[in-house]
Amino acid sequence: MSARRDARLALAAGVLVAVTAVWGSTFPVSKDLLTRLPVPDFLALRFLTAALVVGLVRPAAVLRAGWRVAGVGAGLGLAYFSGQYLQFVGLQHTAPTVSAFVVSMYVVFTPLLACVFARKPPSVRVSAATLLATGGVAAMSLRGFSLGWGEMLTLFAALLYAVHILALGRWSQARTAYALAVVQLGTMGLAFLAVASVDGVQPPATRDVPAFLYLAIVAGGIALLGQTWAQAHLPASTVSITMVLEPVWAAVIGLSVFGERLDARIVLGGMLILTALVVTNARGSGGARWRGRRRRPADGRCATAADPPANTQIGAG
């Protein structure tokens, strides 16, 4: 049983790493596309397309999910929509590099909030991994810093992302991950559609359709499905630290595909983030979980990564 659980945890971690690689690849694609398409229009069409395509692949899994899953998915979708909207509004009032650092503060908020809910302090490993990941993102992105209106909005977006990670870890189950992902995508799409409809929705141009479909179906639908399934098996702190791999992948792809320059700050930041991943995924590392009733560790700290998730179920998903 332990070997099966270890294999399942390894697979979930691998899926999450693959998700961050896909997200990292979206930076240059999105940057080019958004020069011709308004942000709310792009996000509305992206998430609605993703919901439609993913939902049509397995409609029965969505229809049999029930109202509880629909309600949870809608709540999760609204939390993620709010975070994305505040992030993009804040980006208009701050430098992109500062925004990238501030929004990555969810890696700090996630274990802290988890331990507040659990009423237990974070373990030494989680604390160390969180500090390493934060330092890595700072090394890669910061070029000076001042706290203004844009930074405050982005910081609140990071808090909402942390809430989304914790709530997804609390309610995600392997057997309902598919339906939960579709409902989240649909909710985000409708919410952004309401924002975009104020001045009319602009569809992508014909030449932008391939890039748009990649961002919608692969980086939107499939990636969120992978994250939702992985969080049915992994502790929230492990998820938040693993997701900080996104800027590392963005740097790697930018260097290898688009010929961008590699400097010492990117190397240092990448090494710190990878070290954080090693620390947090080491056997017996502390991964704070907020899962309602759970087995309490003997040392009185938050549940560890070695403890099986209380609501994980193996099924068709």
C-alpha atoms as a PDB file:
ATOM      1  CA  MET A   1       0.000   0.000   0.000  1.00  0.00           C
ATOM      2  CA  SER A   2       2.867   2.388   0.836  1.00  0.00           C
ATOM      3  CA  ALA A   3       4.534   1.695  -2.536  1.00  0.00           C
ATOM      4  CA  ARG A   4       1.264   2.430  -4.359  1.00  0.00           C
ATOM      5  CA  ARG A   5       0.820   5.653  -2.420  1.00  0.00           C
ATOM      6  CA  ASP A   6       4.407   6.714  -3.141  1.00  0.00           C
ATOM      7  CA  ALA A   7       3.902   6.014  -6.847  1.00  0.00           C
ATOM      8  CA  ARG A   8       0.666   8.000  -6.846  1.00  0.00           C
ATOM      9  CA  LEU A   9       2.346  10.949  -5.106  1.00  0.00           C
ATOM     10  CA  ALA A  10       5.249  10.839  -7.574  1.00  0.00           C
ATOM     11  CA  LEU A  11       2.841  10.796 -10.518  1.00  0.00           C
ATOM     12  CA  ALA A  12       0.877  13.731  -9.081  1.00  0.00           C
ATOM     13  CA  ALA A  13       4.098  15.715  -8.573  1.00  0.00           C
ATOM     14  CA  GLY A  14       5.159  14.920 -12.141  1.00  0.00           C
ATOM     15  CA  VAL A  15       1.808  16.085 -13.507  1.00  0.00           C
ATOM     16  CA  LEU A  16       2.117  19.345 -11.579  1.00  0.00           C
ATOM     17  CA  VAL A  17       5.658  19.920 -12.909  1.00  0.00           C
ATOM     18  CA  ALA A  18       4.350  19.347 -16.442  1.00  0.00           C
ATOM     19  CA  VAL A  19       1.561  21.867 -15.785  1.00  0.00           C
ATOM     20  CA  THR A  20       4.108  24.507 -14.728  1.00  0.00           C
ATOM     21  CA  ALA A  21       6.102  23.801 -17.905  1.00  0.00           C
ATOM     22  CA  VAL A  22       3.008  24.426 -20.029  1.00  0.00           C
ATOM     23  CA  TRP A  23       2.244  27.619 -18.104  1.00  0.00           C
ATOM     24  CA  GLY A  24       5.857  28.746 -18.503  1.00  0.00           C
ATOM     25  CA  SER A  25       5.554  28.344 -22.266  1.00  0.00           C
ATOM     26  CA  THR A  26       2.604  30.740 -22.389  1.00  0.00           C
ATOM     27  CA  PHE A  27       4.566  33.910 -21.559  1.00  0.00           C
ATOM     28  CA  PRO A  28       5.942  34.685 -25.046  1.00  0.00           C
ATOM     29  CA  VAL A  29       2.776  33.423 -26.766  1.00  0.00           C
ATOM     30  CA  SER A  30       0.478  35.512 -24.567  1.00  0.00           C
ATOM     31  CA  LYS A  31       2.706  38.577 -24.794  1.00  0.00           C
ATOM     32  CA  ASP A  32       2.409  38.593 -28.583  1.00  0.00           C
ATOM     33  CA  LEU A  33      -1.305  37.770 -28.695  1.00  0.00           C
ATOM     34  CA  LEU A  34      -2.270  40.437 -26.136  1.00  0.00           C
ATOM     35  CA  THR A  35      -0.839  43.176 -28.342  1.00  0.00           C
ATOM     36  CA  ARG A  36      -3.858  42.580 -30.605  1.00  0.00           C
ATOM     37  CA  LEU A  37      -6.523  41.324 -28.188  1.00  0.00           C
ATOM     38  CA  PRO A  38      -7.838  43.022 -24.993  1.00  0.00           C
ATOM     39  CA  VAL A  39      -7.051  41.079 -21.804  1.00  0.00           C
ATOM     40  CA  PRO A  40     -10.669  40.565 -20.573  1.00  0.00           C
ATOM     41  CA  ASP A  41     -11.756  39.444 -24.052  1.00  0.00           C
ATOM     42  CA  PHE A  42      -8.861  37.006 -24.296  1.00  0.00           C
ATOM     43  CA  LEU A  43      -9.462  35.503 -20.843  1.00  0.00           C
ATOM     44  CA  ALA A  44     -13.233  35.219 -21.364  1.00  0.00           C
ATOM     45  CA  LEU A  45     -12.894  33.424 -24.701  1.00  0.00           C
ATOM     46  CA  ARG A  46      -9.952  31.349 -23.455  1.00  0.00           C
ATOM     47  CA  PHE A  47     -11.734  29.895 -20.425  1.00  0.00           C
ATOM     48  CA  LEU A  48     -15.081  29.433 -22.183  1.00  0.00           C
ATOM     49  CA  THR A  49     -13.367  27.583 -25.043  1.00  0.00           C
ATOM     50  CA  ALA A  50     -11.468  25.421 -22.576  1.00  0.00           C
ATOM     51  CA  ALA A  51     -14.658  24.599 -20.646  1.00  0.00           C
ATOM     52  CA  LEU A  52     -16.523  23.686 -23.842  1.00  0.00           C
ATOM     53  CA  VAL A  53     -13.769  21.462 -25.282  1.00  0.00           C
ATOM     54  CA  VAL A  54     -12.884  19.686 -22.022  1.00  0.00           C
ATOM     55  CA  GLY A  55     -16.555  19.309 -21.095  1.00  0.00           C
ATOM     56  CA  LEU A  56     -17.481  17.748 -24.435  1.00  0.00           C
ATOM     57  CA  VAL A  57     -14.747  15.102 -24.115  1.00  0.00           C
ATOM     58  CA  ARG A  58     -16.452  13.537 -21.089  1.00  0.00           C
ATOM     59  CA  PRO A  59     -19.900  15.109 -20.667  1.00  0.00           C
ATOM     60  CA  ALA A  60     -21.156  12.228 -18.532  1.00  0.00           C
ATOM     61  CA  ALA A  61     -18.474  12.905 -15.906  1.00  0.00           C
ATOM     62  CA  VAL A  62     -19.684  16.496 -15.675  1.00  0.00           C
ATOM     63  CA  LEU A  63     -23.396  15.719 -15.604  1.00  0.00           C
ATOM     64  CA  ARG A  64     -23.150  13.081 -12.875  1.00  0.00           C
ATOM     65  CA  ALA A  65     -21.019  15.244 -10.596  1.00  0.00           C
ATOM     66  CA  GLY A  66     -23.969  16.714  -8.691  1.00  0.00           C
ATOM     67  CA  TRP A  67     -24.824  20.122  -7.287  1.00  0.00           C
ATOM     68  CA  ARG A  68     -22.214  19.991  -4.523  1.00  0.00           C
ATOM     69  CA  VAL A  69     -19.350  19.689  -7.010  1.00  0.00           C
ATOM     70  CA  ALA A  70     -20.938  22.406  -9.153  1.00  0.00           C
ATOM     71  CA  GLY A  71     -21.146  24.746  -6.165  1.00  0.00           C
ATOM     72  CA  VAL A  72     -17.574  24.081  -5.084  1.00  0.00           C
ATOM     73  CA  GLY A  73     -16.327  24.496  -8.652  1.00  0.00           C
ATOM     74  CA  ALA A  74     -18.177  27.798  -9.034  1.00  0.00           C
ATOM     75  CA  GLY A  75     -16.688  29.104  -5.799  1.00  0.00           C
ATOM     76  CA  LEU A  76     -13.182  28.050  -6.833  1.00  0.00           C
ATOM     77  CA  GLY A  77     -13.670  29.615 -10.269  1.00  0.00           C
ATOM     78  CA  LEU A  78     -14.766  32.934  -8.755  1.00  0.00           C
ATOM     79  CA  ALA A  79     -11.746  32.951  -6.429  1.00  0.00           C
ATOM     80  CA  TYR A  80      -9.378  32.355  -9.348  1.00  0.00           C
ATOM     81  CA  PHE A  81     -11.184  34.919 -11.528  1.00  0.00           C
ATOM     82  CA  SER A  82     -10.855  37.529  -8.771  1.00  0.00           C
ATOM     83  CA  GLY A  83      -7.146  36.817  -8.423  1.00  0.00           C
ATOM     84  CA  GLN A  84      -6.548  37.037 -12.164  1.00  0.00           C
ATOM     85  CA  TYR A  85      -8.557  40.240 -12.509  1.00  0.00           C
ATOM     86  CA  LEU A  86      -6.721  41.975  -9.642  1.00  0.00           C
ATOM     87  CA  GLN A  87      -3.376  40.770 -11.015  1.00  0.00           C
ATOM     88  CA  PHE A  88      -4.016  42.260 -14.456  1.00  0.00           C
ATOM     89  CA  VAL A  89      -5.377  45.523 -13.019  1.00  0.00           C
ATOM     90  CA  GLY A  90      -2.361  45.759 -10.728  1.00  0.00           C
ATOM     91  CA  LEU A  91      -0.041  45.087 -13.662  1.00  0.00           C
ATOM     92  CA  GLN A  92      -1.196  48.362 -15.197  1.00  0.00           C
ATOM     93  CA  HIS A  93       0.272  50.219 -12.195  1.00  0.00           C
ATOM     94  CA  THR A  94       3.539  48.358 -11.581  1.00  0.00           C
ATOM     95  CA  ALA A  95       6.525  46.924 -13.441  1.00  0.00           C
ATOM     96  CA  PRO A  96       6.074  43.396 -14.877  1.00  0.00           C
ATOM     97  CA  THR A  97       9.112  42.074 -12.976  1.00  0.00           C
ATOM     98  CA  VAL A  98       7.782  43.403  -9.666  1.00  0.00           C
ATOM     99  CA  SER A  99       4.343  41.992 -10.450  1.00  0.00           C
ATOM    100  CA  ALA A 100       5.887  38.561 -11.145  1.00  0.00           C
ATOM    101  CA  PHE A 101       7.532  38.588  -7.727  1.00  0.00           C
ATOM    102  CA  VAL A 102       4.558  39.915  -5.754  1.00  0.00           C
ATOM    103  CA  VAL A 103       2.056  37.488  -7.296  1.00  0.00           C
ATOM    104  CA  SER A 104       4.406  34.603  -6.458  1.00  0.00           C
ATOM    105  CA  MET A 105       3.966  35.437  -2.783  1.00  0.00           C
ATOM    106  CA  TYR A 106       1.209  32.817  -2.773  1.00  0.00           C
ATOM    107  CA  VAL A 107       4.103  30.449  -2.011  1.00  0.00           C
ATOM    108  CA  VAL A 108       4.320  32.197   1.382  1.00  0.00           C
ATOM    109  CA  PHE A 109       0.602  32.691   1.960  1.00  0.00           C
ATOM    110  CA  THR A 110      -0.357  29.077   1.226  1.00  0.00           C
ATOM    111  CA  PRO A 111       1.520  27.314   4.077  1.00  0.00           C
ATOM    112  CA  LEU A 112       0.781  30.181   6.469  1.00  0.00           C
ATOM    113  CA  LEU A 113      -2.967  30.063   5.811  1.00  0.00           C
ATOM    114  CA  ALA A 114      -2.953  26.261   5.946  1.00  0.00           C
ATOM    115  CA  CYS A 115      -1.391  26.321   9.387  1.00  0.00           C
ATOM    116  CA  VAL A 116      -3.786  29.046  10.556  1.00  0.00           C
ATOM    117  CA  PHE A 117      -6.710  26.835   9.563  1.00  0.00           C
ATOM    118  CA  ALA A 118      -5.040  23.803  11.121  1.00  0.00           C
ATOM    119  CA  ARG A 119      -4.030  25.851  14.201  1.00  0.00           C
ATOM    120  CA  LYS A 120      -0.532  24.382  14.040  1.00  0.00           C
ATOM    121  CA  PRO A 121       2.848  25.960  13.162  1.00  0.00           C
ATOM    122  CA  PRO A 122       4.525  25.057   9.847  1.00  0.00           C
ATOM    123  CA  SER A 123       7.276  22.443   9.906  1.00  0.00           C
ATOM    124  CA  VAL A 124      10.930  23.391   9.543  1.00  0.00           C
ATOM    125  CA  ARG A 125      11.078  21.873   6.038  1.00  0.00           C
ATOM    126  CA  VAL A 126       8.051  23.822   4.790  1.00  0.00           C
ATOM    127  CA  SER A 127       9.413  27.049   6.264  1.00  0.00           C
ATOM    128  CA  ALA A 128      12.841  26.499   4.692  1.00  0.00           C
ATOM    129  CA  ALA A 129      11.376  25.568   1.298  1.00  0.00           C
ATOM    130  CA  THR A 130       9.082  28.609   1.361  1.00  0.00           C
ATOM    131  CA  LEU A 131      11.999  30.969   2.078  1.00  0.00           C
ATOM    132  CA  LEU A 132      14.121  29.353  -0.642  1.00  0.00           C
ATOM    133  CA  ALA A 133      11.330  29.614  -3.237  1.00  0.00           C
ATOM    134  CA  THR A 134      10.615  33.239  -2.301  1.00  0.00           C
ATOM    135  CA  GLY A 135      14.315  34.093  -2.599  1.00  0.00           C
ATOM    136  CA  GLY A 136      14.470  32.340  -5.955  1.00  0.00           C
ATOM    137  CA  VAL A 137      11.564  34.295  -7.393  1.00  0.00           C
ATOM    138  CA  ALA A 138      13.016  37.546  -6.017  1.00  0.00           C
ATOM    139  CA  ALA A 139      16.396  36.827  -7.617  1.00  0.00           C
ATOM    140  CA  MET A 140      14.781  36.091 -10.982  1.00  0.00           C
ATOM    141  CA  SER A 141      12.307  38.960 -11.126  1.00  0.00           C
ATOM    142  CA  LEU A 142      13.077  41.911  -8.838  1.00  0.00           C
ATOM    143  CA  ARG A 143      14.829  44.970 -10.266  1.00  0.00           C
ATOM    144  CA  GLY A 144      13.925  47.399  -7.502  1.00  0.00           C
ATOM    145  CA  PHE A 145      10.736  47.493  -5.441  1.00  0.00           C
ATOM    146  CA  SER A 146       8.287  50.035  -4.035  1.00  0.00           C
ATOM    147  CA  LEU A 147       4.901  49.318  -2.459  1.00  0.00           C
ATOM    148  CA  GLY A 148       2.166  51.220  -4.278  1.00  0.00           C
ATOM    149  CA  TRP A 149      -1.399  50.720  -5.481  1.00  0.00           C
ATOM    150  CA  GLY A 150      -0.433  48.208  -8.150  1.00  0.00           C
ATOM    151  CA  GLU A 151       1.668  46.153  -5.747  1.00  0.00           C
ATOM    152  CA  MET A 152      -1.144  46.098  -3.177  1.00  0.00           C
ATOM    153  CA  LEU A 153      -3.665  44.800  -5.722  1.00  0.00           C
ATOM    154  CA  THR A 154      -1.183  42.159  -6.883  1.00  0.00           C
ATOM    155  CA  LEU A 155      -0.473  41.114  -3.301  1.00  0.00           C
ATOM    156  CA  PHE A 156      -4.193  40.595  -2.715  1.00  0.00           C
ATOM    157  CA  ALA A 157      -4.308  38.545  -5.925  1.00  0.00           C
ATOM    158  CA  ALA A 158      -1.546  36.340  -4.510  1.00  0.00           C
ATOM    159  CA  LEU A 159      -3.632  35.870  -1.357  1.00  0.00           C
ATOM    160  CA  LEU A 160      -6.605  34.775  -3.469  1.00  0.00           C
ATOM    161  CA  TYR A 161      -4.392  32.305  -5.367  1.00  0.00           C
ATOM    162  CA  ALA A 162      -3.323  30.836  -2.024  1.00  0.00           C
ATOM    163  CA  VAL A 163      -6.967  30.506  -0.978  1.00  0.00           C
ATOM    164  CA  HIS A 164      -7.703  28.789  -4.306  1.00  0.00           C
ATOM    165  CA  ILE A 165      -4.821  26.320  -3.803  1.00  0.00           C
ATOM    166  CA  LEU A 166      -5.973  25.490  -0.267  1.00  0.00           C
ATOM    167  CA  ALA A 167      -9.648  25.187  -1.188  1.00  0.00           C
ATOM    168  CA  LEU A 168      -8.831  23.026  -4.207  1.00  0.00           C
ATOM    169  CA  GLY A 169      -6.714  20.778  -1.998  1.00  0.00           C
ATOM    170  CA  ARG A 170      -9.547  20.583   0.524  1.00  0.00           C
ATOM    171  CA  TRP A 171     -12.333  19.638  -1.901  1.00  0.00           C
ATOM    172  CA  SER A 172     -10.611  18.028  -4.875  1.00  0.00           C
ATOM    173  CA  GLN A 173     -11.054  14.273  -5.218  1.00  0.00           C
ATOM    174  CA  ALA A 174      -9.723  12.050  -7.968  1.00  0.00           C
ATOM    175  CA  ARG A 175     -13.204  10.876  -8.963  1.00  0.00           C
ATOM    176  CA  THR A 176     -14.598  14.427  -9.286  1.00  0.00           C
ATOM    177  CA  ALA A 177     -11.493  16.233 -10.599  1.00  0.00           C
ATOM    178  CA  TYR A 178     -12.759  16.283 -14.192  1.00  0.00           C
ATOM    179  CA  ALA A 179     -16.112  17.871 -13.399  1.00  0.00           C
ATOM    180  CA  LEU A 180     -14.541  20.270 -10.915  1.00  0.00           C
ATOM    181  CA  ALA A 181     -12.088  21.522 -13.548  1.00  0.00           C
ATOM    182  CA  VAL A 182     -14.849  22.062 -16.140  1.00  0.00           C
ATOM    183  CA  VAL A 183     -17.043  24.011 -13.700  1.00  0.00           C
ATOM    184  CA  GLN A 184     -14.106  26.201 -12.674  1.00  0.00           C
ATOM    185  CA  LEU A 185     -13.276  26.962 -16.311  1.00  0.00           C
ATOM    186  CA  GLY A 186     -16.876  27.787 -17.146  1.00  0.00           C
ATOM    187  CA  THR A 187     -17.255  30.040 -14.118  1.00  0.00           C
ATOM    188  CA  MET A 188     -14.059  31.948 -14.918  1.00  0.00           C
ATOM    189  CA  GLY A 189     -15.102  32.314 -18.549  1.00  0.00           C
ATOM    190  CA  LEU A 190     -18.551  33.688 -17.689  1.00  0.00           C
ATOM    191  CA  ALA A 191     -17.115  36.079 -15.099  1.00  0.00           C
ATOM    192  CA  PHE A 192     -14.582  37.483 -17.566  1.00  0.00           C
ATOM    193  CA  LEU A 193     -17.281  37.611 -20.236  1.00  0.00           C
ATOM    194  CA  ALA A 194     -19.313  39.910 -17.978  1.00  0.00           C
ATOM    195  CA  VAL A 195     -16.297  42.226 -17.679  1.00  0.00           C
ATOM    196  CA  ALA A 196     -15.464  42.086 -21.396  1.00  0.00           C
ATOM    197  CA  SER A 197     -19.069  42.677 -22.505  1.00  0.00           C
ATOM    198  CA  VAL A 198     -18.992  46.267 -21.233  1.00  0.00           C
ATOM    199  CA  ASP A 199     -17.389  47.449 -24.484  1.00  0.00           C
ATOM    200  CA  GLY A 200     -17.993  44.371 -26.671  1.00  0.00           C
ATOM    201  CA  VAL A 201     -16.022  41.153 -27.066  1.00  0.00           C
ATOM    202  CA  GLN A 202     -13.316  41.013 -29.734  1.00  0.00           C
ATOM    203  CA  PRO A 203     -12.490  37.517 -31.105  1.00  0.00           C
ATOM    204  CA  PRO A 204      -8.927  36.613 -32.097  1.00  0.00           C
ATOM    205  CA  ALA A 205      -7.836  37.226 -35.676  1.00  0.00           C
ATOM    206  CA  THR A 206      -7.505  34.241 -38.018  1.00  0.00           C
ATOM    207  CA  ARG A 207      -3.706  34.201 -37.783  1.00  0.00           C
ATOM    208  CA  ASP A 208      -3.957  34.128 -33.961  1.00  0.00           C
ATOM    209  CA  VAL A 209      -6.320  31.122 -33.770  1.00  0.00           C
ATOM    210  CA  PRO A 210      -3.589  28.412 -33.401  1.00  0.00           C
ATOM    211  CA  ALA A 211      -1.905  30.317 -30.556  1.00  0.00           C
ATOM    212  CA  PHE A 212      -5.283  31.036 -28.949  1.00  0.00           C
ATOM    213  CA  LEU A 213      -6.326  27.358 -29.079  1.00  0.00           C
ATOM    214  CA  TYR A 214      -3.031  26.316 -27.465  1.00  0.00           C
ATOM    215  CA  LEU A 215      -3.509  28.840 -24.666  1.00  0.00           C
ATOM    216  CA  ALA A 216      -7.165  27.875 -24.225  1.00  0.00           C
ATOM    217  CA  ILE A 217      -7.172  24.085 -24.533  1.00  0.00           C
ATOM    218  CA  VAL A 218      -3.673  23.011 -23.470  1.00  0.00           C
ATOM    219  CA  ALA A 219      -2.590  25.790 -21.087  1.00  0.00           C
ATOM    220  CA  GLY A 220      -6.147  26.446 -19.900  1.00  0.00           C
ATOM    221  CA  GLY A 221      -8.317  23.330 -19.887  1.00  0.00           C
ATOM    222  CA  ILE A 222      -5.821  20.451 -19.732  1.00  0.00           C
ATOM    223  CA  ALA A 223      -3.492  22.287 -17.344  1.00  0.00           C
ATOM    224  CA  LEU A 224      -6.255  23.112 -14.865  1.00  0.00           C
ATOM    225  CA  LEU A 225      -7.514  19.538 -15.093  1.00  0.00           C
ATOM    226  CA  GLY A 226      -4.005  18.312 -14.270  1.00  0.00           C
ATOM    227  CA  GLN A 227      -3.684  20.721 -11.344  1.00  0.00           C
ATOM    228  CA  THR A 228      -7.096  19.736  -9.972  1.00  0.00           C
ATOM    229  CA  TRP A 229      -6.259  16.013 -10.161  1.00  0.00           C
ATOM    230  CA  ALA A 230      -2.778  16.486  -8.677  1.00  0.00           C
ATOM    231  CA  GLN A 231      -4.159  18.438  -5.721  1.00  0.00           C
ATOM    232  CA  ALA A 232      -6.324  15.469  -4.803  1.00  0.00           C
ATOM    233  CA  HIS A 233      -3.054  13.741  -3.859  1.00  0.00           C
ATOM    234  CA  LEU A 234      -0.558  16.428  -2.787  1.00  0.00           C
ATOM    235  CA  PRO A 235      -0.359  18.747   0.243  1.00  0.00           C
ATOM    236  CA  ALA A 236      -1.023  22.430  -0.409  1.00  0.00           C
ATOM    237  CA  SER A 237       2.489  23.582   0.549  1.00  0.00           C
ATOM    238  CA  THR A 238       4.061  21.156  -1.950  1.00  0.00           C
ATOM    239  CA  VAL A 239       1.688  22.419  -4.641  1.00  0.00           C
ATOM    240  CA  SER A 240       2.433  26.100  -4.012  1.00  0.00           C
ATOM    241  CA  ILE A 241       6.210  25.590  -4.059  1.00  0.00           C
ATOM    242  CA  THR A 242       6.093  23.355  -7.153  1.00  0.00           C
ATOM    243  CA  MET A 243       4.026  25.945  -9.008  1.00  0.00           C
ATOM    244  CA  VAL A 244       6.859  28.469  -8.591  1.00  0.00           C
ATOM    245  CA  LEU A 245       8.654  26.414 -11.268  1.00  0.00           C
ATOM    246  CA  GLU A 246       6.593  28.383 -13.804  1.00  0.00           C
ATOM    247  CA  PRO A 247       9.104  31.287 -14.150  1.00  0.00           C
ATOM    248  CA  VAL A 248      11.960  28.758 -14.303  1.00  0.00           C
ATOM    249  CA  TRP A 249      10.324  27.047 -17.271  1.00  0.00           C
ATOM    250  CA  ALA A 250       9.611  30.450 -18.816  1.00  0.00           C
ATOM    251  CA  ALA A 251      13.322  31.287 -18.588  1.00  0.00           C
ATOM    252  CA  VAL A 252      14.374  27.905 -20.005  1.00  0.00           C
ATOM    253  CA  ILE A 253      11.932  28.144 -22.924  1.00  0.00           C
ATOM    254  CA  GLY A 254      12.838  31.768 -23.564  1.00  0.00           C
ATOM    255  CA  LEU A 255      16.525  30.828 -23.697  1.00  0.00           C
ATOM    256  CA  SER A 256      16.220  27.682 -25.825  1.00  0.00           C
ATOM    257  CA  VAL A 257      13.408  28.679 -28.196  1.00  0.00           C
ATOM    258  CA  PHE A 258      13.455  32.457 -28.394  1.00  0.00           C
ATOM    259  CA  GLY A 259      17.166  33.106 -27.824  1.00  0.00           C
ATOM    260  CA  GLU A 260      16.730  35.258 -24.733  1.00  0.00           C
ATOM    261  CA  ARG A 261      19.777  36.108 -22.602  1.00  0.00           C
ATOM    262  CA  LEU A 262      20.637  34.001 -19.547  1.00  0.00           C
ATOM    263  CA  ASP A 263      22.135  35.984 -16.662  1.00  0.00           C
ATOM    264  CA  ALA A 264      23.412  35.133 -13.190  1.00  0.00           C
ATOM    265  CA  ARG A 265      20.175  36.215 -11.488  1.00  0.00           C
ATOM    266  CA  ILE A 266      18.128  33.700 -13.483  1.00  0.00           C
ATOM    267  CA  VAL A 267      20.609  30.914 -12.714  1.00  0.00           C
ATOM    268  CA  LEU A 268      20.643  31.759  -8.989  1.00  0.00           C
ATOM    269  CA  GLY A 269      16.861  32.052  -8.820  1.00  0.00           C
ATOM    270  CA  GLY A 270      16.346  28.765 -10.653  1.00  0.00           C
ATOM    271  CA  MET A 271      18.777  26.960  -8.342  1.00  0.00           C
ATOM    272  CA  LEU A 272      17.026  28.301  -5.222  1.00  0.00           C
ATOM    273  CA  ILE A 273      13.602  27.221  -6.524  1.00  0.00           C
ATOM    274  CA  LEU A 274      14.853  23.751  -7.467  1.00  0.00           C
ATOM    275  CA  THR A 275      16.441  23.431  -4.019  1.00  0.00           C
ATOM    276  CA  ALA A 276      13.095  24.366  -2.468  1.00  0.00           C
ATOM    277  CA  LEU A 277      11.445  21.576  -4.474  1.00  0.00           C
ATOM    278  CA  VAL A 278      13.997  19.040  -3.248  1.00  0.00           C
ATOM    279  CA  VAL A 279      13.427  20.150   0.347  1.00  0.00           C
ATOM    280  CA  THR A 280       9.630  20.119   0.219  1.00  0.00           C
ATOM    281  CA  ASN A 281       9.410  16.771  -1.621  1.00  0.00           C
ATOM    282  CA  ALA A 282      11.911  14.964   0.594  1.00  0.00           C
ATOM    283  CA  ARG A 283      10.322  12.006   2.324  1.00  0.00           C
ATOM    284  CA  GLY A 284       8.777  13.102   5.572  1.00  0.00           C
ATOM    285  CA  SER A 285       8.779  16.784   4.622  1.00  0.00           C
ATOM    286  CA  GLY A 286       6.121  18.942   6.196  1.00  0.00           C
ATOM    287  CA  GLY A 287       3.262  19.807   3.910  1.00  0.00           C
ATOM    288  CA  ALA A 288       0.453  21.698   5.564  1.00  0.00           C
ATOM    289  CA  ARG A 289      -2.953  20.359   4.692  1.00  0.00           C
ATOM    290  CA  TRP A 290      -6.311  21.875   5.340  1.00  0.00           C
ATOM    291  CA  ARG A 291      -8.601  18.906   4.946  1.00  0.00           C
ATOM    292  CA  GLY A 292     -10.971  19.098   7.866  1.00  0.00           C
ATOM    293  CA  ARG A 293     -10.580  15.999  10.047  1.00  0.00           C
ATOM    294  CA  ARG A 294      -7.190  14.368   9.639  1.00  0.00           C
ATOM    295  CA  ARG A 295      -4.605  12.353  11.532  1.00  0.00           C
ATOM    296  CA  ARG A 296      -2.477  14.676  13.693  1.00  0.00           C
ATOM    297  CA  PRO A 297       1.309  14.188  13.561  1.00  0.00           C
ATOM    298  CA  ALA A 298       3.001  13.302  16.821  1.00  0.00           C
ATOM    299  CA  ASP A 299       5.106  16.485  16.866  1.00  0.00           C
ATOM    300  CA  GLY A 300       2.034  18.729  16.895  1.00  0.00           C
ATOM    301  CA  ARG A 301       2.863  20.426  13.604  1.00  0.00           C
ATOM    302  CA  CYS A 302       0.881  20.587  10.380  1.00  0.00           C
ATOM    303  CA  ALA A 303       0.332  17.269   8.562  1.00  0.00           C
ATOM    304  CA  THR A 304       3.316  16.038   6.579  1.00  0.00           C
ATOM    305  CA  ALA A 305       3.696  15.037   2.972  1.00  0.00           C
ATOM    306  CA  ALA A 306       4.037  11.436   4.075  1.00  0.00           C
ATOM    307  CA  ASP A 307       0.507  11.443   5.492  1.00  0.00           C
ATOM    308  CA  PRO A 308      -2.084  10.255   2.947  1.00  0.00           C
ATOM    309  CA  PRO A 309      -4.705  12.851   1.939  1.00  0.00           C
ATOM    310  CA  ALA A 310      -7.903  12.221   3.869  1.00  0.00           C
ATOM    311  CA  ASN A 311     -10.221  12.531   0.867  1.00  0.00           C
ATOM    312  CA  THR A 312      -8.160  10.952  -1.920  1.00  0.00           C
ATOM    313  CA  GLN A 313     -10.100   8.335  -3.871  1.00  0.00           C
ATOM    314  CA  ILE A 314      -8.978   6.395  -6.889  1.00  0.00           C
ATOM    315  CA  GLY A 315     -11.500   6.311  -9.667  1.00  0.00           C
ATOM    316  CA  ALA A 316     -12.232   7.249 -13.231  1.00  0.00           C
ATOM    317  CA  GLY A 317     -12.104  10.983 -12.340  1.00  0.00           C
END
